[in-house]
Amino acid sequence: MRVERELRLPCVAMRRVLVPAVLLAAASLLAACGSSSPSSTTTEPTTLPVTPTASTTPPPEPTPTPSATPSLPCMPGQFEIAILNTQGAAGTIYATFEIRNTSTTGCTENGYAKVQMLKSGGGLLNTTWSDDNSLASPGPVDLPTGTEPLGASGASGHGYFVVSWSDVCTPAQTETPKSWQVTLPTSGFQTAVTDVGSSMVCNGALKVGPIKSSPYP
């Protein structure tokens, strides 16, 4: 009987020890389960930097350049014409004719004048002429208004053409004009220009250069 009592005592004591241990383990487990609950996390939205878009302003439309108003062709009755000078070299005589616009409207002449020699009283002399571009080429020449008088030194805005002929021949073969009838190519303006000397034109043959904007050399 004594032996049985001694065997039971350790079991009761062990129970007393195990019960608190089990309770402590259970409490620890519950605490662990409670702490393992996932915590809710808040993700802040990512704000991307805003890159300003450069505004492109279209370039201004180019301002059209006004075109120069072309001069109108000259009309009859707008001019005065005179012989500026006469000079000779190697048997050839050169007479430079000068043109001035006397109207109130600028205009353009272009090409070769026609020249007819006249005798005293206005009669026609034997005259032949040909266009000569050996000293200049034809082209439009503007003749503005309000220019200086004919013969003025360094005058601008005048037109010039040269008439040349040979003077190497016998007197019987020459024509001696008292004036020159000039007809301009564009306007058809016609006038008689007094001869400045005693020109002797062999066989009445003339060469006429084109109208240009500066005196011939």
N, C-alpha and C. Protein backbone atom coordinates (compact mmCIF):
# COMPACT_ATOMS: atom_id res chain seq x y z
N MET A 1 0.86 -1.20 0.00
CA MET A 1 0.00 0.00 0.00
C MET A 1 0.88 1.23 0.00
N ARG A 2 1.95 1.25 0.62
CA ARG A 2 2.86 2.39 0.68
C ARG A 2 3.48 2.63 -0.67
N VAL A 3 3.74 1.55 -1.31
CA VAL A 3 4.38 1.68 -2.62
C VAL A 3 3.48 2.38 -3.58
N GLU A 4 2.23 2.18 -3.69
CA GLU A 4 1.27 2.79 -4.61
C GLU A 4 1.18 4.27 -4.35
N ARG A 5 1.18 4.72 -3.13
CA ARG A 5 1.10 6.13 -2.82
C ARG A 5 2.32 6.85 -3.35
N GLU A 6 3.46 6.22 -3.18
CA GLU A 6 4.66 6.87 -3.64
C GLU A 6 4.66 6.99 -5.15
N LEU A 7 4.05 6.07 -5.84
CA LEU A 7 4.01 6.12 -7.31
C LEU A 7 3.04 7.18 -7.77
N ARG A 8 1.96 7.50 -7.09
CA ARG A 8 0.96 8.46 -7.54
C ARG A 8 1.46 9.89 -7.34
N LEU A 9 2.24 10.12 -6.35
CA LEU A 9 2.64 11.49 -6.06
C LEU A 9 3.36 12.15 -7.22
N PRO A 10 4.24 11.53 -7.88
CA PRO A 10 4.89 12.19 -9.02
C PRO A 10 3.91 12.52 -10.10
N CYS A 11 2.89 11.77 -10.35
CA CYS A 11 1.92 12.05 -11.44
C CYS A 11 1.14 13.29 -11.10
N VAL A 12 0.73 13.38 -9.81
CA VAL A 12 -0.04 14.58 -9.45
C VAL A 12 0.83 15.81 -9.56
N ALA A 13 2.05 15.66 -9.10
CA ALA A 13 2.95 16.82 -9.21
C ALA A 13 3.22 17.20 -10.63
N MET A 14 3.34 16.25 -11.50
CA MET A 14 3.60 16.54 -12.93
C MET A 14 2.43 17.24 -13.54
N ARG A 15 1.21 16.83 -13.15
CA ARG A 15 0.03 17.49 -13.69
C ARG A 15 0.05 18.95 -13.31
N ARG A 16 0.40 19.17 -12.05
CA ARG A 16 0.40 20.55 -11.59
C ARG A 16 1.41 21.41 -12.40
N VAL A 17 2.47 20.76 -12.78
CA VAL A 17 3.47 21.50 -13.55
C VAL A 17 3.04 21.66 -14.98
N LEU A 18 2.41 20.63 -15.59
CA LEU A 18 2.08 20.66 -17.01
C LEU A 18 0.93 21.59 -17.30
N VAL A 19 -0.02 21.68 -16.38
CA VAL A 19 -1.20 22.52 -16.69
C VAL A 19 -0.80 23.96 -16.88
N PRO A 20 -0.03 24.53 -15.92
CA PRO A 20 0.38 25.95 -16.20
C PRO A 20 1.20 26.07 -17.47
N ALA A 21 2.01 25.11 -17.77
CA ALA A 21 2.86 25.20 -18.97
C ALA A 21 2.02 25.18 -20.21
N VAL A 22 0.97 24.33 -20.20
CA VAL A 22 0.09 24.26 -21.38
C VAL A 22 -0.65 25.56 -21.54
N LEU A 23 -1.13 26.09 -20.43
CA LEU A 23 -1.85 27.37 -20.50
C LEU A 23 -0.95 28.48 -21.03
N LEU A 24 0.31 28.50 -20.55
CA LEU A 24 1.25 29.52 -21.02
C LEU A 24 1.54 29.38 -22.50
N ALA A 25 1.67 28.12 -22.96
CA ALA A 25 1.94 27.89 -24.41
C ALA A 25 0.76 28.32 -25.23
N ALA A 26 -0.48 28.04 -24.68
CA ALA A 26 -1.67 28.43 -25.45
C ALA A 26 -1.75 29.93 -25.53
N ALA A 27 -1.45 30.60 -24.41
CA ALA A 27 -1.49 32.07 -24.43
C ALA A 27 -0.49 32.62 -25.39
N SER A 28 0.70 32.01 -25.40
CA SER A 28 1.73 32.48 -26.33
C SER A 28 1.29 32.29 -27.77
N LEU A 29 0.60 31.15 -28.06
CA LEU A 29 0.15 30.86 -29.42
C LEU A 29 -0.89 31.87 -29.86
N LEU A 30 -1.82 32.16 -28.91
CA LEU A 30 -2.85 33.14 -29.27
C LEU A 30 -2.23 34.51 -29.54
N ALA A 31 -1.25 34.84 -28.70
CA ALA A 31 -0.59 36.13 -28.93
C ALA A 31 0.10 36.17 -30.26
N ALA A 32 0.75 35.03 -30.59
CA ALA A 32 1.45 34.97 -31.89
C ALA A 32 0.47 35.07 -33.02
N CYS A 33 -0.69 34.39 -32.91
CA CYS A 33 -1.70 34.45 -33.99
C CYS A 33 -2.23 35.85 -34.12
N GLY A 34 -2.44 36.51 -32.97
CA GLY A 34 -2.95 37.88 -33.07
C GLY A 34 -1.96 38.81 -33.72
N SER A 35 -0.68 38.60 -33.41
CA SER A 35 0.32 39.51 -33.98
C SER A 35 0.63 39.20 -35.41
N SER A 36 0.23 38.04 -35.89
CA SER A 36 0.57 37.69 -37.28
C SER A 36 -0.45 38.21 -38.26
N SER A 37 -1.50 38.89 -37.76
CA SER A 37 -2.50 39.43 -38.70
C SER A 37 -1.82 40.46 -39.60
N PRO A 38 -2.07 40.40 -40.89
CA PRO A 38 -1.39 41.34 -41.82
C PRO A 38 -1.87 42.74 -41.54
N SER A 39 -0.90 43.62 -41.44
CA SER A 39 -1.23 45.03 -41.23
C SER A 39 -1.55 45.66 -42.56
N SER A 40 -2.57 46.49 -42.55
CA SER A 40 -2.96 47.14 -43.82
C SER A 40 -1.97 48.27 -44.11
N THR A 41 -1.43 48.28 -45.34
CA THR A 41 -0.46 49.32 -45.74
C THR A 41 -1.10 50.21 -46.78
N THR A 42 -0.87 51.50 -46.66
CA THR A 42 -1.42 52.47 -47.62
C THR A 42 -0.31 52.91 -48.58
N THR A 43 -0.54 52.68 -49.87
CA THR A 43 0.46 53.08 -50.88
C THR A 43 0.11 54.46 -51.40
N GLU A 44 1.02 55.38 -51.17
CA GLU A 44 0.79 56.74 -51.65
C GLU A 44 0.92 56.76 -53.18
N PRO A 45 -0.03 57.42 -53.85
CA PRO A 45 0.08 57.48 -55.33
C PRO A 45 1.33 58.26 -55.76
N THR A 46 1.98 57.75 -56.76
CA THR A 46 3.21 58.39 -57.26
C THR A 46 2.84 59.54 -58.19
N THR A 47 3.30 60.71 -57.86
CA THR A 47 3.02 61.88 -58.70
C THR A 47 4.19 62.12 -59.64
N LEU A 48 3.93 61.96 -60.94
CA LEU A 48 4.99 62.15 -61.93
C LEU A 48 5.18 63.65 -62.19
N PRO A 49 6.40 64.06 -62.38
CA PRO A 49 6.63 65.49 -62.68
C PRO A 49 5.99 65.87 -64.01
N VAL A 50 5.36 67.02 -64.04
CA VAL A 50 4.70 67.49 -65.27
C VAL A 50 5.70 68.32 -66.06
N THR A 51 5.96 67.85 -67.26
CA THR A 51 6.88 68.59 -68.14
C THR A 51 6.07 69.56 -68.99
N PRO A 52 6.29 70.86 -68.83
CA PRO A 52 5.50 71.82 -69.63
C PRO A 52 5.80 71.69 -71.10
N THR A 53 4.77 71.69 -71.89
CA THR A 53 4.94 71.60 -73.35
C THR A 53 5.19 73.00 -73.90
N ALA A 54 6.30 73.13 -74.60
CA ALA A 54 6.63 74.45 -75.15
C ALA A 54 5.65 74.80 -76.25
N SER A 55 5.06 75.94 -76.14
CA SER A 55 4.11 76.38 -77.16
C SER A 55 4.87 76.93 -78.35
N THR A 56 4.55 76.43 -79.50
CA THR A 56 5.23 76.88 -80.71
C THR A 56 4.38 77.92 -81.41
N THR A 57 4.95 79.10 -81.53
CA THR A 57 4.25 80.19 -82.23
C THR A 57 4.66 80.17 -83.69
N PRO A 58 3.70 80.03 -84.59
CA PRO A 58 4.09 79.99 -86.02
C PRO A 58 4.75 81.29 -86.43
N PRO A 59 5.79 81.19 -87.28
CA PRO A 59 6.47 82.42 -87.71
C PRO A 59 5.51 83.32 -88.48
N PRO A 60 5.71 84.62 -88.37
CA PRO A 60 4.81 85.53 -89.10
C PRO A 60 4.97 85.37 -90.60
N GLU A 61 3.89 85.57 -91.29
CA GLU A 61 3.92 85.49 -92.75
C GLU A 61 4.82 86.59 -93.29
N PRO A 62 5.72 86.24 -94.24
CA PRO A 62 6.59 87.28 -94.79
C PRO A 62 5.79 88.35 -95.51
N THR A 63 6.21 89.57 -95.29
CA THR A 63 5.53 90.68 -95.96
C THR A 63 5.97 90.73 -97.41
N PRO A 64 5.04 90.62 -98.34
CA PRO A 64 5.45 90.63 -99.75
C PRO A 64 6.10 91.96 -100.12
N THR A 65 7.20 91.85 -100.86
CA THR A 65 7.89 93.05 -101.30
C THR A 65 7.18 93.63 -102.51
N PRO A 66 6.76 94.86 -102.38
CA PRO A 66 6.05 95.43 -103.54
C PRO A 66 6.97 95.52 -104.74
N SER A 67 6.49 95.06 -105.85
CA SER A 67 7.29 95.11 -107.06
C SER A 67 7.28 96.53 -107.61
N ALA A 68 8.43 96.88 -108.17
CA ALA A 68 8.54 98.22 -108.72
C ALA A 68 7.59 98.38 -109.91
N THR A 69 6.94 99.51 -109.95
CA THR A 69 6.02 99.75 -111.05
C THR A 69 6.83 100.06 -112.30
N PRO A 70 6.67 99.22 -113.34
CA PRO A 70 7.47 99.47 -114.54
C PRO A 70 7.03 100.76 -115.22
N SER A 71 8.02 101.44 -115.81
CA SER A 71 7.69 102.65 -116.54
C SER A 71 6.90 102.31 -117.78
N LEU A 72 6.00 103.20 -118.15
CA LEU A 72 5.20 102.99 -119.35
C LEU A 72 6.01 103.38 -120.58
N PRO A 73 5.67 102.82 -121.73
CA PRO A 73 6.34 103.25 -122.96
C PRO A 73 6.11 104.74 -123.20
N CYS A 74 7.11 105.38 -123.73
CA CYS A 74 7.00 106.82 -123.98
C CYS A 74 6.00 107.09 -125.10
N MET A 75 5.39 108.25 -125.03
CA MET A 75 4.41 108.69 -126.01
C MET A 75 4.96 109.87 -126.79
N PRO A 76 4.42 110.15 -127.96
CA PRO A 76 4.89 111.30 -128.74
C PRO A 76 4.69 112.60 -127.97
N GLY A 77 5.52 113.57 -128.28
CA GLY A 77 5.37 114.89 -127.69
C GLY A 77 5.96 115.05 -126.32
N GLN A 78 6.81 114.10 -125.88
CA GLN A 78 7.33 114.16 -124.52
C GLN A 78 8.78 114.61 -124.43
N PHE A 79 9.43 114.92 -125.54
CA PHE A 79 10.89 115.01 -125.52
C PHE A 79 11.43 116.28 -126.15
N GLU A 80 12.68 116.52 -125.80
CA GLU A 80 13.53 117.41 -126.58
C GLU A 80 14.83 116.67 -126.83
N ILE A 81 15.37 116.87 -128.01
CA ILE A 81 16.57 116.14 -128.44
C ILE A 81 17.55 117.14 -129.04
N ALA A 82 18.83 116.94 -128.74
CA ALA A 82 19.87 117.80 -129.30
C ALA A 82 21.14 116.98 -129.48
N ILE A 83 22.04 117.50 -130.32
CA ILE A 83 23.35 116.86 -130.48
C ILE A 83 24.24 117.35 -129.34
N LEU A 84 24.73 116.42 -128.55
CA LEU A 84 25.56 116.76 -127.40
C LEU A 84 26.97 117.13 -127.84
N ASN A 85 27.55 116.33 -128.72
CA ASN A 85 28.90 116.62 -129.22
C ASN A 85 29.16 115.83 -130.51
N THR A 86 30.18 116.24 -131.24
CA THR A 86 30.62 115.53 -132.44
C THR A 86 32.14 115.41 -132.37
N GLN A 87 32.64 114.21 -132.63
CA GLN A 87 34.09 114.00 -132.62
C GLN A 87 34.45 112.97 -133.68
N GLY A 88 35.71 113.01 -134.13
CA GLY A 88 36.14 112.11 -135.18
C GLY A 88 37.41 111.38 -134.83
N ALA A 89 37.59 110.20 -135.45
CA ALA A 89 38.81 109.42 -135.26
C ALA A 89 38.95 108.45 -136.42
N ALA A 90 40.13 108.45 -137.03
CA ALA A 90 40.47 107.50 -138.10
C ALA A 90 39.44 107.50 -139.22
N GLY A 91 39.00 108.68 -139.62
CA GLY A 91 38.10 108.78 -140.75
C GLY A 91 36.63 108.52 -140.43
N THR A 92 36.31 108.37 -139.17
CA THR A 92 34.92 108.14 -138.77
C THR A 92 34.47 109.26 -137.83
N ILE A 93 33.29 109.78 -138.08
CA ILE A 93 32.72 110.84 -137.24
C ILE A 93 31.64 110.23 -136.35
N TYR A 94 31.64 110.65 -135.07
CA TYR A 94 30.64 110.17 -134.10
C TYR A 94 29.88 111.39 -133.56
N ALA A 95 28.57 111.37 -133.71
CA ALA A 95 27.73 112.43 -133.16
C ALA A 95 26.84 111.80 -132.07
N THR A 96 26.94 112.33 -130.86
CA THR A 96 26.13 111.83 -129.74
C THR A 96 24.88 112.68 -129.60
N PHE A 97 23.71 112.04 -129.67
CA PHE A 97 22.42 112.71 -129.49
C PHE A 97 21.94 112.48 -128.06
N GLU A 98 21.39 113.52 -127.46
CA GLU A 98 20.91 113.45 -126.07
C GLU A 98 19.39 113.65 -126.06
N ILE A 99 18.69 112.83 -125.23
CA ILE A 99 17.22 112.86 -125.15
C ILE A 99 16.81 113.23 -123.73
N ARG A 100 15.84 114.13 -123.61
CA ARG A 100 15.32 114.50 -122.29
C ARG A 100 13.80 114.43 -122.31
N ASN A 101 13.23 113.85 -121.26
CA ASN A 101 11.78 113.77 -121.11
C ASN A 101 11.28 115.09 -120.54
N THR A 102 10.42 115.78 -121.26
CA THR A 102 9.90 117.08 -120.81
C THR A 102 8.48 117.00 -120.27
N SER A 103 7.91 115.80 -120.19
CA SER A 103 6.53 115.65 -119.74
C SER A 103 6.49 115.49 -118.22
N THR A 104 5.30 115.22 -117.71
CA THR A 104 5.13 115.00 -116.26
C THR A 104 5.01 113.52 -115.92
N THR A 105 5.27 112.66 -116.90
CA THR A 105 5.16 111.22 -116.69
C THR A 105 6.43 110.53 -117.14
N GLY A 106 7.03 109.72 -116.23
CA GLY A 106 8.21 108.96 -116.62
C GLY A 106 7.84 107.86 -117.61
N CYS A 107 8.80 107.49 -118.45
CA CYS A 107 8.51 106.47 -119.46
C CYS A 107 9.80 105.78 -119.87
N THR A 108 9.69 104.83 -120.78
CA THR A 108 10.84 104.02 -121.21
C THR A 108 10.95 104.01 -122.73
N GLU A 109 12.17 104.20 -123.20
CA GLU A 109 12.48 104.01 -124.62
C GLU A 109 13.42 102.81 -124.73
N ASN A 110 13.33 102.11 -125.85
CA ASN A 110 14.11 100.88 -126.01
C ASN A 110 14.40 100.65 -127.49
N GLY A 111 15.69 100.58 -127.83
CA GLY A 111 16.04 100.22 -129.20
C GLY A 111 16.81 101.32 -129.92
N TYR A 112 16.62 101.36 -131.23
CA TYR A 112 17.40 102.23 -132.11
C TYR A 112 16.51 103.32 -132.71
N ALA A 113 16.99 104.56 -132.64
CA ALA A 113 16.28 105.66 -133.30
C ALA A 113 16.52 105.57 -134.81
N LYS A 114 15.59 106.15 -135.55
CA LYS A 114 15.77 106.28 -137.01
C LYS A 114 16.20 107.73 -137.28
N VAL A 115 17.16 107.87 -138.16
CA VAL A 115 17.72 109.19 -138.44
C VAL A 115 17.65 109.46 -139.95
N GLN A 116 17.11 110.62 -140.30
CA GLN A 116 17.00 111.05 -141.70
C GLN A 116 17.68 112.43 -141.82
N MET A 117 18.61 112.54 -142.77
CA MET A 117 19.26 113.83 -142.98
C MET A 117 18.35 114.74 -143.80
N LEU A 118 18.35 116.02 -143.40
CA LEU A 118 17.51 117.00 -144.08
C LEU A 118 18.39 118.13 -144.63
N LYS A 119 18.03 118.62 -145.76
CA LYS A 119 18.74 119.77 -146.32
C LYS A 119 18.03 121.06 -145.90
N SER A 120 18.57 122.15 -146.29
CA SER A 120 17.98 123.44 -145.95
C SER A 120 16.54 123.51 -146.46
N GLY A 121 15.64 123.93 -145.62
CA GLY A 121 14.23 123.99 -146.00
C GLY A 121 13.47 122.72 -145.65
N GLY A 122 14.17 121.70 -145.14
CA GLY A 122 13.49 120.49 -144.68
C GLY A 122 13.39 119.38 -145.69
N GLY A 123 13.98 119.59 -146.86
CA GLY A 123 13.95 118.52 -147.86
C GLY A 123 14.80 117.33 -147.45
N LEU A 124 14.46 116.17 -147.98
CA LEU A 124 15.18 114.95 -147.60
C LEU A 124 16.46 114.81 -148.41
N LEU A 125 17.51 114.44 -147.75
CA LEU A 125 18.77 114.08 -148.39
C LEU A 125 18.86 112.56 -148.50
N ASN A 126 19.69 112.10 -149.42
CA ASN A 126 19.92 110.66 -149.57
C ASN A 126 20.46 110.11 -148.26
N THR A 127 19.75 109.21 -147.63
CA THR A 127 20.14 108.69 -146.31
C THR A 127 19.85 107.19 -146.23
N THR A 128 20.86 106.46 -145.82
CA THR A 128 20.65 105.05 -145.44
C THR A 128 21.24 104.88 -144.04
N TRP A 129 20.63 104.00 -143.25
CA TRP A 129 21.17 103.78 -141.91
C TRP A 129 21.06 102.31 -141.54
N SER A 130 21.90 101.92 -140.63
CA SER A 130 21.87 100.54 -140.11
C SER A 130 22.08 100.58 -138.61
N ASP A 131 21.49 99.59 -137.93
CA ASP A 131 21.67 99.49 -136.47
C ASP A 131 23.07 98.99 -136.16
N ASP A 132 23.69 99.59 -135.16
CA ASP A 132 25.07 99.25 -134.81
C ASP A 132 25.17 98.98 -133.31
N ASN A 133 25.42 97.72 -132.96
CA ASN A 133 25.57 97.38 -131.53
C ASN A 133 27.02 97.11 -131.15
N SER A 134 27.95 97.67 -131.91
CA SER A 134 29.36 97.43 -131.62
C SER A 134 29.82 98.15 -130.35
N LEU A 135 29.13 99.21 -129.96
CA LEU A 135 29.51 99.97 -128.77
C LEU A 135 28.57 99.75 -127.59
N ALA A 136 27.36 99.27 -127.85
CA ALA A 136 26.38 99.04 -126.78
C ALA A 136 25.30 98.10 -127.27
N SER A 137 24.61 97.45 -126.33
CA SER A 137 23.50 96.55 -126.66
C SER A 137 22.18 97.23 -126.32
N PRO A 138 21.14 96.98 -127.10
CA PRO A 138 19.85 97.63 -126.81
C PRO A 138 19.22 97.10 -125.52
N GLY A 139 18.40 97.92 -124.91
CA GLY A 139 17.70 97.56 -123.68
C GLY A 139 16.83 98.72 -123.24
N PRO A 140 15.88 98.47 -122.34
CA PRO A 140 15.00 99.55 -121.89
C PRO A 140 15.77 100.63 -121.13
N VAL A 141 15.44 101.87 -121.41
CA VAL A 141 16.07 103.02 -120.75
C VAL A 141 14.97 103.88 -120.16
N ASP A 142 14.98 104.02 -118.82
CA ASP A 142 13.99 104.85 -118.14
C ASP A 142 14.32 106.32 -118.31
N LEU A 143 13.31 107.09 -118.65
CA LEU A 143 13.47 108.53 -118.82
C LEU A 143 12.52 109.23 -117.84
N PRO A 144 12.99 109.55 -116.64
CA PRO A 144 12.12 110.17 -115.64
C PRO A 144 11.85 111.63 -115.96
N THR A 145 10.97 112.20 -115.18
CA THR A 145 10.64 113.61 -115.36
C THR A 145 11.50 114.48 -114.45
N GLY A 146 11.47 115.78 -114.71
CA GLY A 146 12.14 116.73 -113.83
C GLY A 146 13.64 116.66 -113.86
N THR A 147 14.25 116.27 -114.97
CA THR A 147 15.70 116.18 -115.05
C THR A 147 16.31 117.52 -115.47
N GLU A 148 17.62 117.60 -115.42
CA GLU A 148 18.34 118.82 -115.79
C GLU A 148 18.23 119.08 -117.29
N PRO A 149 18.50 120.29 -117.69
CA PRO A 149 18.43 120.63 -119.12
C PRO A 149 19.44 119.84 -119.94
N LEU A 150 19.18 119.76 -121.23
CA LEU A 150 20.12 119.12 -122.14
C LEU A 150 21.48 119.82 -122.07
N GLY A 151 22.53 119.03 -122.14
CA GLY A 151 23.88 119.58 -122.13
C GLY A 151 24.44 119.82 -120.74
N ALA A 152 23.63 119.63 -119.69
CA ALA A 152 24.12 119.84 -118.32
C ALA A 152 25.16 118.77 -117.98
N SER A 153 26.26 119.18 -117.38
CA SER A 153 27.33 118.25 -117.05
C SER A 153 26.86 117.26 -115.98
N GLY A 154 27.07 115.96 -116.25
CA GLY A 154 26.71 114.93 -115.28
C GLY A 154 25.22 114.72 -115.11
N ALA A 155 24.42 115.16 -116.06
CA ALA A 155 22.96 115.00 -115.95
C ALA A 155 22.60 113.52 -115.93
N SER A 156 21.64 113.18 -115.08
CA SER A 156 21.15 111.79 -115.02
C SER A 156 19.70 111.76 -115.50
N GLY A 157 19.24 110.58 -115.91
CA GLY A 157 17.87 110.43 -116.36
C GLY A 157 17.66 110.82 -117.81
N HIS A 158 18.75 111.03 -118.55
CA HIS A 158 18.65 111.32 -119.98
C HIS A 158 18.99 110.07 -120.78
N GLY A 159 18.61 110.07 -122.05
CA GLY A 159 18.98 108.99 -122.95
C GLY A 159 19.99 109.49 -123.97
N TYR A 160 20.79 108.55 -124.47
CA TYR A 160 21.84 108.92 -125.41
C TYR A 160 21.93 107.86 -126.51
N PHE A 161 22.17 108.31 -127.73
CA PHE A 161 22.53 107.38 -128.80
C PHE A 161 23.54 108.06 -129.70
N VAL A 162 24.32 107.26 -130.39
CA VAL A 162 25.39 107.79 -131.23
C VAL A 162 25.11 107.45 -132.69
N VAL A 163 25.42 108.40 -133.57
CA VAL A 163 25.32 108.20 -135.02
C VAL A 163 26.73 108.37 -135.58
N SER A 164 27.16 107.44 -136.38
CA SER A 164 28.52 107.50 -136.94
C SER A 164 28.47 107.38 -138.46
N TRP A 165 29.48 107.91 -139.10
CA TRP A 165 29.59 107.83 -140.56
C TRP A 165 31.04 108.07 -140.97
N SER A 166 31.33 107.74 -142.18
CA SER A 166 32.67 107.97 -142.74
C SER A 166 32.69 109.32 -143.46
N ASP A 167 33.81 110.01 -143.34
CA ASP A 167 33.96 111.27 -144.06
C ASP A 167 35.12 111.21 -145.05
N VAL A 168 35.56 110.00 -145.35
CA VAL A 168 36.66 109.81 -146.30
C VAL A 168 36.06 109.49 -147.67
N CYS A 169 35.84 110.50 -148.46
CA CYS A 169 35.29 110.34 -149.80
C CYS A 169 35.43 111.68 -150.54
N THR A 170 35.11 111.69 -151.78
CA THR A 170 35.18 112.93 -152.55
C THR A 170 33.97 113.80 -152.23
N PRO A 171 34.10 115.11 -152.41
CA PRO A 171 32.97 115.99 -152.13
C PRO A 171 31.71 115.61 -152.91
N ALA A 172 31.88 115.06 -154.10
CA ALA A 172 30.71 114.70 -154.89
C ALA A 172 29.93 113.54 -154.26
N GLN A 173 30.60 112.79 -153.40
CA GLN A 173 29.95 111.62 -152.77
C GLN A 173 29.35 111.94 -151.40
N THR A 174 29.48 113.18 -150.98
CA THR A 174 29.02 113.50 -149.62
C THR A 174 27.64 114.13 -149.61
N GLU A 175 27.00 113.96 -148.46
CA GLU A 175 25.75 114.65 -148.16
C GLU A 175 26.03 115.54 -146.95
N THR A 176 25.59 116.78 -147.03
CA THR A 176 25.83 117.72 -145.94
C THR A 176 24.50 118.17 -145.36
N PRO A 177 24.09 117.57 -144.26
CA PRO A 177 22.77 117.91 -143.69
C PRO A 177 22.78 119.25 -142.95
N LYS A 178 21.66 119.90 -142.98
CA LYS A 178 21.46 121.10 -142.17
C LYS A 178 20.73 120.76 -140.86
N SER A 179 20.03 119.65 -140.90
CA SER A 179 19.36 119.16 -139.68
C SER A 179 19.14 117.67 -139.81
N TRP A 180 18.75 117.07 -138.69
CA TRP A 180 18.55 115.62 -138.63
C TRP A 180 17.14 115.35 -138.11
N GLN A 181 16.42 114.57 -138.87
CA GLN A 181 15.09 114.17 -138.40
C GLN A 181 15.24 112.88 -137.59
N VAL A 182 14.87 112.95 -136.32
CA VAL A 182 15.04 111.81 -135.41
C VAL A 182 13.67 111.26 -135.05
N THR A 183 13.51 109.94 -135.17
CA THR A 183 12.28 109.26 -134.75
C THR A 183 12.64 108.23 -133.69
N LEU A 184 12.10 108.39 -132.49
CA LEU A 184 12.41 107.47 -131.40
C LEU A 184 11.68 106.13 -131.59
N PRO A 185 12.30 105.03 -131.16
CA PRO A 185 11.76 103.70 -131.48
C PRO A 185 10.47 103.32 -130.77
N THR A 186 10.32 103.70 -129.51
CA THR A 186 9.16 103.26 -128.73
C THR A 186 7.98 104.20 -128.88
N SER A 187 8.22 105.48 -128.71
CA SER A 187 7.13 106.45 -128.74
C SER A 187 6.76 106.88 -130.16
N GLY A 188 7.72 106.74 -131.07
CA GLY A 188 7.48 107.28 -132.42
C GLY A 188 7.62 108.79 -132.46
N PHE A 189 8.09 109.38 -131.35
CA PHE A 189 8.29 110.83 -131.31
C PHE A 189 9.27 111.23 -132.40
N GLN A 190 8.96 112.30 -133.10
CA GLN A 190 9.79 112.74 -134.21
C GLN A 190 10.04 114.24 -134.11
N THR A 191 11.29 114.61 -134.33
CA THR A 191 11.63 116.02 -134.29
C THR A 191 12.85 116.26 -135.16
N ALA A 192 13.04 117.51 -135.56
CA ALA A 192 14.22 117.88 -136.35
C ALA A 192 15.27 118.47 -135.42
N VAL A 193 16.49 117.96 -135.51
CA VAL A 193 17.59 118.41 -134.67
C VAL A 193 18.58 119.14 -135.56
N THR A 194 18.89 120.36 -135.17
CA THR A 194 19.79 121.18 -135.97
C THR A 194 21.20 120.61 -135.92
N ASP A 195 21.86 120.59 -137.08
CA ASP A 195 23.24 120.10 -137.14
C ASP A 195 24.14 121.12 -136.46
N VAL A 196 25.16 120.62 -135.77
CA VAL A 196 26.04 121.50 -135.01
C VAL A 196 27.26 121.93 -135.82
N GLY A 197 27.46 121.39 -136.99
CA GLY A 197 28.63 121.75 -137.80
C GLY A 197 28.34 121.47 -139.25
N SER A 198 29.37 121.43 -140.02
CA SER A 198 29.23 121.14 -141.44
C SER A 198 29.59 119.67 -141.65
N SER A 199 28.68 118.78 -141.24
CA SER A 199 28.93 117.34 -141.36
C SER A 199 28.89 116.95 -142.83
N MET A 200 29.84 116.14 -143.22
CA MET A 200 29.88 115.60 -144.58
C MET A 200 29.82 114.08 -144.48
N VAL A 201 28.70 113.52 -144.91
CA VAL A 201 28.45 112.10 -144.74
C VAL A 201 28.67 111.41 -146.08
N CYS A 202 29.67 110.52 -146.14
CA CYS A 202 29.96 109.82 -147.39
C CYS A 202 28.80 108.95 -147.81
N ASN A 203 28.28 109.21 -149.00
CA ASN A 203 27.21 108.41 -149.60
C ASN A 203 25.94 108.37 -148.75
N GLY A 204 25.85 109.26 -147.77
CA GLY A 204 24.64 109.31 -146.94
C GLY A 204 24.44 108.08 -146.06
N ALA A 205 25.55 107.33 -145.83
CA ALA A 205 25.44 106.08 -145.06
C ALA A 205 25.72 106.33 -143.57
N LEU A 206 24.77 105.97 -142.73
CA LEU A 206 24.87 106.19 -141.29
C LEU A 206 24.80 104.87 -140.52
N LYS A 207 25.44 104.84 -139.36
CA LYS A 207 25.28 103.74 -138.40
C LYS A 207 24.71 104.35 -137.11
N VAL A 208 23.69 103.70 -136.54
CA VAL A 208 23.01 104.24 -135.36
C VAL A 208 23.12 103.24 -134.21
N GLY A 209 23.65 103.72 -133.09
CA GLY A 209 23.74 102.88 -131.89
C GLY A 209 22.46 102.93 -131.09
N PRO A 210 22.22 101.95 -130.21
CA PRO A 210 20.99 101.93 -129.40
C PRO A 210 20.97 103.04 -128.35
N ILE A 211 19.76 103.37 -127.91
CA ILE A 211 19.62 104.35 -126.83
C ILE A 211 20.12 103.72 -125.53
N LYS A 212 20.94 104.47 -124.79
CA LYS A 212 21.43 104.00 -123.51
C LYS A 212 21.32 105.11 -122.46
N SER A 213 21.53 104.77 -121.20
CA SER A 213 21.27 105.70 -120.12
C SER A 213 22.46 106.58 -119.76
N SER A 214 23.56 106.43 -120.45
CA SER A 214 24.74 107.27 -120.19
C SER A 214 25.42 107.58 -121.51
N PRO A 215 26.18 108.66 -121.57
CA PRO A 215 26.85 109.01 -122.83
C PRO A 215 27.79 107.90 -123.31
N TYR A 216 27.92 107.78 -124.58
CA TYR A 216 28.90 106.85 -125.15
C TYR A 216 30.29 107.35 -124.83
N PRO A 217 31.26 106.44 -124.73
CA PRO A 217 32.64 106.87 -124.44
C PRO A 217 33.22 107.66 -125.61
